[in-house]
Amino acid sequence: MPTVVITGASRGLGLEFARRFAADGWRVHAAVRDPAKAKDLQSLKGDVAVHPVDVTSDLQVREFADGLDGAPVDLLINNAGITGPR
């Protein structure tokens, strides 16, 4: 089974990517800042694992990667972003 990692998966494009890949039978690792607030993501059908990851934290990103225990990742969709002053 192919595996995808999607950051920023709690809403918008990230959530839709997670939905579509899960529906197509992929193993989905969905990274979000606050899993408790990601109700739509939590309700997806399929092989979806939701991980608490703030991509601005090197430590959290490293812990997430270590938690995959060397499992191969076929696709990374780095969708997470932050906003700041314009």
PDB file of N, CA and C in Angstrom:
ATOM      1  N   MET A   1       0.844  -1.170   0.000  1.00  0.00           N
ATOM      2  CA  MET A   1       0.000   0.000   0.000  1.00  0.00           C
ATOM      3  C   MET A   1       0.893   1.238   0.000  1.00  0.00           C
ATOM      4  N   PRO A   2       0.652   2.180  -0.913  1.00  0.00           N
ATOM      5  CA  PRO A   2       1.448   3.406  -0.925  1.00  0.00           C
ATOM      6  C   PRO A   2       1.106   4.295   0.269  1.00  0.00           C
ATOM      7  N   THR A   3       2.076   5.112   0.652  1.00  0.00           N
ATOM      8  CA  THR A   3       1.941   5.975   1.828  1.00  0.00           C
ATOM      9  C   THR A   3       2.193   7.424   1.447  1.00  0.00           C
ATOM     10  N   VAL A   4       1.335   8.310   1.960  1.00  0.00           N
ATOM     11  CA  VAL A   4       1.492   9.746   1.746  1.00  0.00           C
ATOM     12  C   VAL A   4       1.525  10.447   3.099  1.00  0.00           C
ATOM     13  N   VAL A   5       2.375  11.461   3.204  1.00  0.00           N
ATOM     14  CA  VAL A   5       2.403  12.355   4.363  1.00  0.00           C
ATOM     15  C   VAL A   5       1.884  13.696   3.885  1.00  0.00           C
ATOM     16  N   ILE A   6       0.891  14.229   4.595  1.00  0.00           N
ATOM     17  CA  ILE A   6       0.295  15.510   4.230  1.00  0.00           C
ATOM     18  C   ILE A   6       0.364  16.431   5.444  1.00  0.00           C
ATOM     19  N   THR A   7       1.057  17.562   5.306  1.00  0.00           N
ATOM     20  CA  THR A   7       1.068  18.556   6.368  1.00  0.00           C
ATOM     21  C   THR A   7      -0.060  19.545   6.113  1.00  0.00           C
ATOM     22  N   GLY A   8      -0.554  20.171   7.160  1.00  0.00           N
ATOM     23  CA  GLY A   8      -1.657  21.118   7.009  1.00  0.00           C
ATOM     24  C   GLY A   8      -2.919  20.431   6.525  1.00  0.00           C
ATOM     25  N   ALA A   9      -3.208  19.259   7.100  1.00  0.00           N
ATOM     26  CA  ALA A   9      -4.300  18.419   6.605  1.00  0.00           C
ATOM     27  C   ALA A   9      -5.639  18.641   7.304  1.00  0.00           C
ATOM     28  N   SER A  10      -5.753  19.638   8.151  1.00  0.00           N
ATOM     29  CA  SER A  10      -6.990  19.799   8.922  1.00  0.00           C
ATOM     30  C   SER A  10      -8.119  20.466   8.154  1.00  0.00           C
ATOM     31  N   ARG A  11      -7.789  21.169   7.065  1.00  0.00           N
ATOM     32  CA  ARG A  11      -8.849  21.849   6.306  1.00  0.00           C
ATOM     33  C   ARG A  11      -8.344  22.162   4.899  1.00  0.00           C
ATOM     34  N   GLY A  12      -9.225  22.685   4.087  1.00  0.00           N
ATOM     35  CA  GLY A  12      -8.867  23.146   2.750  1.00  0.00           C
ATOM     36  C   GLY A  12      -8.244  22.067   1.881  1.00  0.00           C
ATOM     37  N   LEU A  13      -7.210  22.453   1.151  1.00  0.00           N
ATOM     38  CA  LEU A  13      -6.556  21.525   0.226  1.00  0.00           C
ATOM     39  C   LEU A  13      -5.962  20.322   0.940  1.00  0.00           C
ATOM     40  N   GLY A  14      -5.362  20.531   2.099  1.00  0.00           N
ATOM     41  CA  GLY A  14      -4.767  19.414   2.829  1.00  0.00           C
ATOM     42  C   GLY A  14      -5.802  18.363   3.196  1.00  0.00           C
ATOM     43  N   LEU A  15      -6.952  18.797   3.671  1.00  0.00           N
ATOM     44  CA  LEU A  15      -8.029  17.876   4.014  1.00  0.00           C
ATOM     45  C   LEU A  15      -8.527  17.140   2.773  1.00  0.00           C
ATOM     46  N   GLU A  16      -8.674  17.851   1.679  1.00  0.00           N
ATOM     47  CA  GLU A  16      -9.149  17.213   0.448  1.00  0.00           C
ATOM     48  C   GLU A  16      -8.127  16.210  -0.083  1.00  0.00           C
ATOM     49  N   PHE A  17      -6.840  16.554  -0.016  1.00  0.00           N
ATOM     50  CA  PHE A  17      -5.811  15.578  -0.398  1.00  0.00           C
ATOM     51  C   PHE A  17      -5.943  14.322   0.461  1.00  0.00           C
ATOM     52  N   ALA A  18      -6.080  14.493   1.769  1.00  0.00           N
ATOM     53  CA  ALA A  18      -6.212  13.353   2.675  1.00  0.00           C
ATOM     54  C   ALA A  18      -7.439  12.517   2.310  1.00  0.00           C
ATOM     55  N   ARG A  19      -8.543  13.166   2.058  1.00  0.00           N
ATOM     56  CA  ARG A  19      -9.784  12.469   1.708  1.00  0.00           C
ATOM     57  C   ARG A  19      -9.593  11.629   0.440  1.00  0.00           C
ATOM     58  N   ARG A  20      -9.024  12.237  -0.580  1.00  0.00           N
ATOM     59  CA  ARG A  20      -8.880  11.543  -1.872  1.00  0.00           C
ATOM     60  C   ARG A  20      -7.877  10.396  -1.803  1.00  0.00           C
ATOM     61  N   PHE A  21      -6.731  10.625  -1.153  1.00  0.00           N
ATOM     62  CA  PHE A  21      -5.748   9.550  -1.070  1.00  0.00           C
ATOM     63  C   PHE A  21      -6.275   8.391  -0.226  1.00  0.00           C
ATOM     64  N   ALA A  22      -6.966   8.691   0.873  1.00  0.00           N
ATOM     65  CA  ALA A  22      -7.552   7.624   1.694  1.00  0.00           C
ATOM     66  C   ALA A  22      -8.585   6.837   0.896  1.00  0.00           C
ATOM     67  N   ALA A  23      -9.409   7.526   0.129  1.00  0.00           N
ATOM     68  CA  ALA A  23     -10.429   6.864  -0.687  1.00  0.00           C
ATOM     69  C   ALA A  23      -9.805   5.973  -1.756  1.00  0.00           C
ATOM     70  N   ASP A  24      -8.604   6.336  -2.196  1.00  0.00           N
ATOM     71  CA  ASP A  24      -7.908   5.542  -3.216  1.00  0.00           C
ATOM     72  C   ASP A  24      -7.066   4.418  -2.610  1.00  0.00           C
ATOM     73  N   GLY A  25      -7.169   4.216  -1.292  1.00  0.00           N
ATOM     74  CA  GLY A  25      -6.499   3.099  -0.645  1.00  0.00           C
ATOM     75  C   GLY A  25      -5.094   3.369  -0.148  1.00  0.00           C
ATOM     76  N   TRP A  26      -4.690   4.625  -0.105  1.00  0.00           N
ATOM     77  CA  TRP A  26      -3.367   4.966   0.406  1.00  0.00           C
ATOM     78  C   TRP A  26      -3.373   4.984   1.928  1.00  0.00           C
ATOM     79  N   ARG A  27      -2.228   4.759   2.523  1.00  0.00           N
ATOM     80  CA  ARG A  27      -2.000   4.992   3.948  1.00  0.00           C
ATOM     81  C   ARG A  27      -1.694   6.476   4.074  1.00  0.00           C
ATOM     82  N   VAL A  28      -2.465   7.200   4.877  1.00  0.00           N
ATOM     83  CA  VAL A  28      -2.327   8.646   4.999  1.00  0.00           C
ATOM     84  C   VAL A  28      -1.832   9.002   6.390  1.00  0.00           C
ATOM     85  N   HIS A  29      -0.703   9.713   6.446  1.00  0.00           N
ATOM     86  CA  HIS A  29      -0.218  10.311   7.691  1.00  0.00           C
ATOM     87  C   HIS A  29      -0.533  11.797   7.570  1.00  0.00           C
ATOM     88  N   ALA A  30      -1.501  12.250   8.346  1.00  0.00           N
ATOM     89  CA  ALA A  30      -1.972  13.637   8.278  1.00  0.00           C
ATOM     90  C   ALA A  30      -1.413  14.415   9.463  1.00  0.00           C
ATOM     91  N   ALA A  31      -0.620  15.432   9.169  1.00  0.00           N
ATOM     92  CA  ALA A  31       0.004  16.241  10.213  1.00  0.00           C
ATOM     93  C   ALA A  31      -0.773  17.546  10.390  1.00  0.00           C
ATOM     94  N   VAL A  32      -1.193  17.799  11.636  1.00  0.00           N
ATOM     95  CA  VAL A  32      -1.956  19.010  11.946  1.00  0.00           C
ATOM     96  C   VAL A  32      -1.474  19.574  13.284  1.00  0.00           C
ATOM     97  N   ARG A  33      -1.657  20.879  13.484  1.00  0.00           N
ATOM     98  CA  ARG A  33      -1.233  21.480  14.757  1.00  0.00           C
ATOM     99  C   ARG A  33      -2.054  20.949  15.920  1.00  0.00           C
ATOM    100  N   ASP A  34      -3.370  20.850  15.748  1.00  0.00           N
ATOM    101  CA  ASP A  34      -4.245  20.470  16.858  1.00  0.00           C
ATOM    102  C   ASP A  34      -5.248  19.411  16.400  1.00  0.00           C
ATOM    103  N   PRO A  35      -4.931  18.136  16.586  1.00  0.00           N
ATOM    104  CA  PRO A  35      -5.832  17.068  16.140  1.00  0.00           C
ATOM    105  C   PRO A  35      -7.243  17.163  16.723  1.00  0.00           C
ATOM    106  N   ALA A  36      -7.380  17.699  17.939  1.00  0.00           N
ATOM    107  CA  ALA A  36      -8.704  17.800  18.562  1.00  0.00           C
ATOM    108  C   ALA A  36      -9.630  18.720  17.775  1.00  0.00           C
ATOM    109  N   LYS A  37      -9.066  19.671  17.053  1.00  0.00           N
ATOM    110  CA  LYS A  37      -9.874  20.599  16.258  1.00  0.00           C
ATOM    111  C   LYS A  37     -10.094  20.117  14.830  1.00  0.00           C
ATOM    112  N   ALA A  38      -9.489  18.998  14.465  1.00  0.00           N
ATOM    113  CA  ALA A  38      -9.561  18.489  13.088  1.00  0.00           C
ATOM    114  C   ALA A  38     -10.659  17.434  12.964  1.00  0.00           C
ATOM    115  N   LYS A  39     -11.889  17.813  13.299  1.00  0.00           N
ATOM    116  CA  LYS A  39     -13.013  16.863  13.319  1.00  0.00           C
ATOM    117  C   LYS A  39     -13.274  16.243  11.950  1.00  0.00           C
ATOM    118  N   ASP A  40     -13.241  17.056  10.888  1.00  0.00           N
ATOM    119  CA  ASP A  40     -13.485  16.516   9.546  1.00  0.00           C
ATOM    120  C   ASP A  40     -12.416  15.501   9.165  1.00  0.00           C
ATOM    121  N   LEU A  41     -11.181  15.787   9.512  1.00  0.00           N
ATOM    122  CA  LEU A  41     -10.086  14.867   9.227  1.00  0.00           C
ATOM    123  C   LEU A  41     -10.259  13.581  10.025  1.00  0.00           C
ATOM    124  N   GLN A  42     -10.610  13.714  11.299  1.00  0.00           N
ATOM    125  CA  GLN A  42     -10.789  12.547  12.168  1.00  0.00           C
ATOM    126  C   GLN A  42     -11.887  11.618  11.655  1.00  0.00           C
ATOM    127  N   SER A  43     -12.845  12.165  10.914  1.00  0.00           N
ATOM    128  CA  SER A  43     -13.983  11.355  10.464  1.00  0.00           C
ATOM    129  C   SER A  43     -13.761  10.685   9.107  1.00  0.00           C
ATOM    130  N   LEU A  44     -12.602  10.885   8.505  1.00  0.00           N
ATOM    131  CA  LEU A  44     -12.354  10.272   7.196  1.00  0.00           C
ATOM    132  C   LEU A  44     -12.319   8.755   7.296  1.00  0.00           C
ATOM    133  N   LYS A  45     -12.822   8.113   6.273  1.00  0.00           N
ATOM    134  CA  LYS A  45     -12.762   6.655   6.169  1.00  0.00           C
ATOM    135  C   LYS A  45     -11.434   6.267   5.541  1.00  0.00           C
ATOM    136  N   GLY A  46     -10.923   5.120   5.930  1.00  0.00           N
ATOM    137  CA  GLY A  46      -9.690   4.625   5.349  1.00  0.00           C
ATOM    138  C   GLY A  46      -8.570   4.570   6.364  1.00  0.00           C
ATOM    139  N   ASP A  47      -7.368   4.345   5.873  1.00  0.00           N
ATOM    140  CA  ASP A  47      -6.188   4.190   6.711  1.00  0.00           C
ATOM    141  C   ASP A  47      -5.542   5.556   6.932  1.00  0.00           C
ATOM    142  N   VAL A  48      -6.107   6.315   7.871  1.00  0.00           N
ATOM    143  CA  VAL A  48      -5.671   7.685   8.124  1.00  0.00           C
ATOM    144  C   VAL A  48      -5.173   7.795   9.566  1.00  0.00           C
ATOM    145  N   ALA A  49      -3.917   8.211   9.717  1.00  0.00           N
ATOM    146  CA  ALA A  49      -3.349   8.456  11.041  1.00  0.00           C
ATOM    147  C   ALA A  49      -3.128   9.958  11.177  1.00  0.00           C
ATOM    148  N   VAL A  50      -3.686  10.532  12.239  1.00  0.00           N
ATOM    149  CA  VAL A  50      -3.579  11.970  12.477  1.00  0.00           C
ATOM    150  C   VAL A  50      -2.484  12.197  13.518  1.00  0.00           C
ATOM    151  N   HIS A  51      -1.554  13.089  13.182  1.00  0.00           N
ATOM    152  CA  HIS A  51      -0.405  13.356  14.040  1.00  0.00           C
ATOM    153  C   HIS A  51      -0.363  14.831  14.441  1.00  0.00           C
ATOM    154  N   PRO A  52      -0.096  15.122  15.719  1.00  0.00           N
ATOM    155  CA  PRO A  52       0.080  16.518  16.142  1.00  0.00           C
ATOM    156  C   PRO A  52       1.477  17.014  15.763  1.00  0.00           C
ATOM    157  N   VAL A  53       1.535  17.911  14.788  1.00  0.00           N
ATOM    158  CA  VAL A  53       2.828  18.437  14.333  1.00  0.00           C
ATOM    159  C   VAL A  53       2.661  19.913  13.987  1.00  0.00           C
ATOM    160  N   ASP A  54       3.444  20.745  14.643  1.00  0.00           N
ATOM    161  CA  ASP A  54       3.548  22.150  14.253  1.00  0.00           C
ATOM    162  C   ASP A  54       4.818  22.240  13.417  1.00  0.00           C
ATOM    163  N   VAL A  55       4.666  22.483  12.120  1.00  0.00           N
ATOM    164  CA  VAL A  55       5.828  22.439  11.223  1.00  0.00           C
ATOM    165  C   VAL A  55       6.827  23.562  11.476  1.00  0.00           C
ATOM    166  N   THR A  56       6.476  24.533  12.324  1.00  0.00           N
ATOM    167  CA  THR A  56       7.451  25.571  12.677  1.00  0.00           C
ATOM    168  C   THR A  56       8.359  25.119  13.812  1.00  0.00           C
ATOM    169  N   SER A  57       8.120  23.936  14.354  1.00  0.00           N
ATOM    170  CA  SER A  57       8.927  23.386  15.444  1.00  0.00           C
ATOM    171  C   SER A  57       9.811  22.258  14.906  1.00  0.00           C
ATOM    172  N   ASP A  58      11.114  22.510  14.860  1.00  0.00           N
ATOM    173  CA  ASP A  58      12.041  21.469  14.408  1.00  0.00           C
ATOM    174  C   ASP A  58      11.907  20.207  15.256  1.00  0.00           C
ATOM    175  N   LEU A  59      11.712  20.380  16.547  1.00  0.00           N
ATOM    176  CA  LEU A  59      11.590  19.235  17.448  1.00  0.00           C
ATOM    177  C   LEU A  59      10.362  18.391  17.092  1.00  0.00           C
ATOM    178  N   GLN A  60       9.204  19.029  16.892  1.00  0.00           N
ATOM    179  CA  GLN A  60       7.997  18.272  16.560  1.00  0.00           C
ATOM    180  C   GLN A  60       8.116  17.569  15.217  1.00  0.00           C
ATOM    181  N   VAL A  61       8.732  18.216  14.246  1.00  0.00           N
ATOM    182  CA  VAL A  61       8.922  17.588  12.930  1.00  0.00           C
ATOM    183  C   VAL A  61       9.830  16.367  13.073  1.00  0.00           C
ATOM    184  N   ARG A  62      10.902  16.516  13.837  1.00  0.00           N
ATOM    185  CA  ARG A  62      11.836  15.398  14.052  1.00  0.00           C
ATOM    186  C   ARG A  62      11.137  14.248  14.774  1.00  0.00           C
ATOM    187  N   GLU A  63      10.345  14.565  15.806  1.00  0.00           N
ATOM    188  CA  GLU A  63       9.624  13.513  16.538  1.00  0.00           C
ATOM    189  C   GLU A  63       8.625  12.799  15.641  1.00  0.00           C
ATOM    190  N   PHE A  64       7.959  13.548  14.784  1.00  0.00           N
ATOM    191  CA  PHE A  64       7.019  12.945  13.839  1.00  0.00           C
ATOM    192  C   PHE A  64       7.754  11.980  12.904  1.00  0.00           C
ATOM    193  N   ALA A  65       8.848  12.444  12.331  1.00  0.00           N
ATOM    194  CA  ALA A  65       9.625  11.601  11.413  1.00  0.00           C
ATOM    195  C   ALA A  65      10.137  10.350  12.124  1.00  0.00           C
ATOM    196  N   ASP A  66      10.643  10.514  13.338  1.00  0.00           N
ATOM    197  CA  ASP A  66      11.127   9.364  14.103  1.00  0.00           C
ATOM    198  C   ASP A  66       9.992   8.386  14.390  1.00  0.00           C
ATOM    199  N   GLY A  67       8.785   8.911  14.597  1.00  0.00           N
ATOM    200  CA  GLY A  67       7.624   8.074  14.890  1.00  0.00           C
ATOM    201  C   GLY A  67       7.187   7.208  13.722  1.00  0.00           C
ATOM    202  N   LEU A  68       7.630   7.545  12.527  1.00  0.00           N
ATOM    203  CA  LEU A  68       7.304   6.717  11.356  1.00  0.00           C
ATOM    204  C   LEU A  68       8.167   5.457  11.323  1.00  0.00           C
ATOM    205  N   ASP A  69       9.157   5.369  12.192  1.00  0.00           N
ATOM    206  CA  ASP A  69       9.991   4.173  12.359  1.00  0.00           C
ATOM    207  C   ASP A  69      10.593   3.666  11.055  1.00  0.00           C
ATOM    208  N   GLY A  70      11.018   4.581  10.199  1.00  0.00           N
ATOM    209  CA  GLY A  70      11.676   4.177   8.959  1.00  0.00           C
ATOM    210  C   GLY A  70      10.744   3.648   7.884  1.00  0.00           C
ATOM    211  N   ALA A  71       9.433   3.714   8.125  1.00  0.00           N
ATOM    212  CA  ALA A  71       8.484   3.251   7.104  1.00  0.00           C
ATOM    213  C   ALA A  71       8.635   4.112   5.853  1.00  0.00           C
ATOM    214  N   PRO A  72       8.605   3.503   4.687  1.00  0.00           N
ATOM    215  CA  PRO A  72       8.771   4.290   3.465  1.00  0.00           C
ATOM    216  C   PRO A  72       7.595   5.240   3.234  1.00  0.00           C
ATOM    217  N   VAL A  73       7.912   6.403   2.712  1.00  0.00           N
ATOM    218  CA  VAL A  73       6.907   7.391   2.332  1.00  0.00           C
ATOM    219  C   VAL A  73       7.025   7.580   0.826  1.00  0.00           C
ATOM    220  N   ASP A  74       5.929   7.350   0.122  1.00  0.00           N
ATOM    221  CA  ASP A  74       5.934   7.444  -1.331  1.00  0.00           C
ATOM    222  C   ASP A  74       5.728   8.865  -1.831  1.00  0.00           C
ATOM    223  N   LEU A  75       5.024   9.668  -1.037  1.00  0.00           N
ATOM    224  CA  LEU A  75       4.701  11.026  -1.470  1.00  0.00           C
ATOM    225  C   LEU A  75       4.600  11.933  -0.255  1.00  0.00           C
ATOM    226  N   LEU A  76       5.199  13.126  -0.347  1.00  0.00           N
ATOM    227  CA  LEU A  76       5.074  14.164   0.675  1.00  0.00           C
ATOM    228  C   LEU A  76       4.350  15.346   0.056  1.00  0.00           C
ATOM    229  N   ILE A  77       3.252  15.747   0.679  1.00  0.00           N
ATOM    230  CA  ILE A  77       2.551  16.962   0.278  1.00  0.00           C
ATOM    231  C   ILE A  77       2.714  17.945   1.430  1.00  0.00           C
ATOM    232  N   ASN A  78       3.640  18.872   1.264  1.00  0.00           N
ATOM    233  CA  ASN A  78       3.953  19.847   2.307  1.00  0.00           C
ATOM    234  C   ASN A  78       3.050  21.066   2.111  1.00  0.00           C
ATOM    235  N   ASN A  79       1.855  20.964   2.656  1.00  0.00           N
ATOM    236  CA  ASN A  79       0.797  21.935   2.441  1.00  0.00           C
ATOM    237  C   ASN A  79       0.684  22.959   3.570  1.00  0.00           C
ATOM    238  N   ALA A  80       1.322  22.707   4.703  1.00  0.00           N
ATOM    239  CA  ALA A  80       1.193  23.596   5.862  1.00  0.00           C
ATOM    240  C   ALA A  80       1.799  24.960   5.565  1.00  0.00           C
ATOM    241  N   GLY A  81       1.179  25.956   6.110  1.00  0.00           N
ATOM    242  CA  GLY A  81       1.694  27.311   5.942  1.00  0.00           C
ATOM    243  C   GLY A  81       1.320  28.166   7.124  1.00  0.00           C
ATOM    244  N   ILE A  82       1.942  29.301   7.214  1.00  0.00           N
ATOM    245  CA  ILE A  82       1.621  30.242   8.273  1.00  0.00           C
ATOM    246  C   ILE A  82       1.396  31.607   7.628  1.00  0.00           C
ATOM    247  N   THR A  83       0.656  32.437   8.322  1.00  0.00           N
ATOM    248  CA  THR A  83       0.460  33.795   7.839  1.00  0.00           C
ATOM    249  C   THR A  83       1.164  34.739   8.789  1.00  0.00           C
ATOM    250  N   GLY A  84       1.506  35.856   8.272  1.00  0.00           N
ATOM    251  CA  GLY A  84       2.174  36.860   9.083  1.00  0.00           C
ATOM    252  C   GLY A  84       1.818  38.236   8.550  1.00  0.00           C
ATOM    253  N   PRO A  85       2.524  39.229   8.992  1.00  0.00           N
ATOM    254  CA  PRO A  85       2.227  40.583   8.521  1.00  0.00           C
ATOM    255  C   PRO A  85       2.465  40.686   7.012  1.00  0.00           C
ATOM    256  N   ARG A  86       1.629  41.491   6.396  1.00  0.00           N
ATOM    257  CA  ARG A  86       1.770  41.681   4.934  1.00  0.00           C
ATOM    258  C   ARG A  86       2.499  42.948   4.641  1.00  0.00           C
TER     259      ARG A  86
END
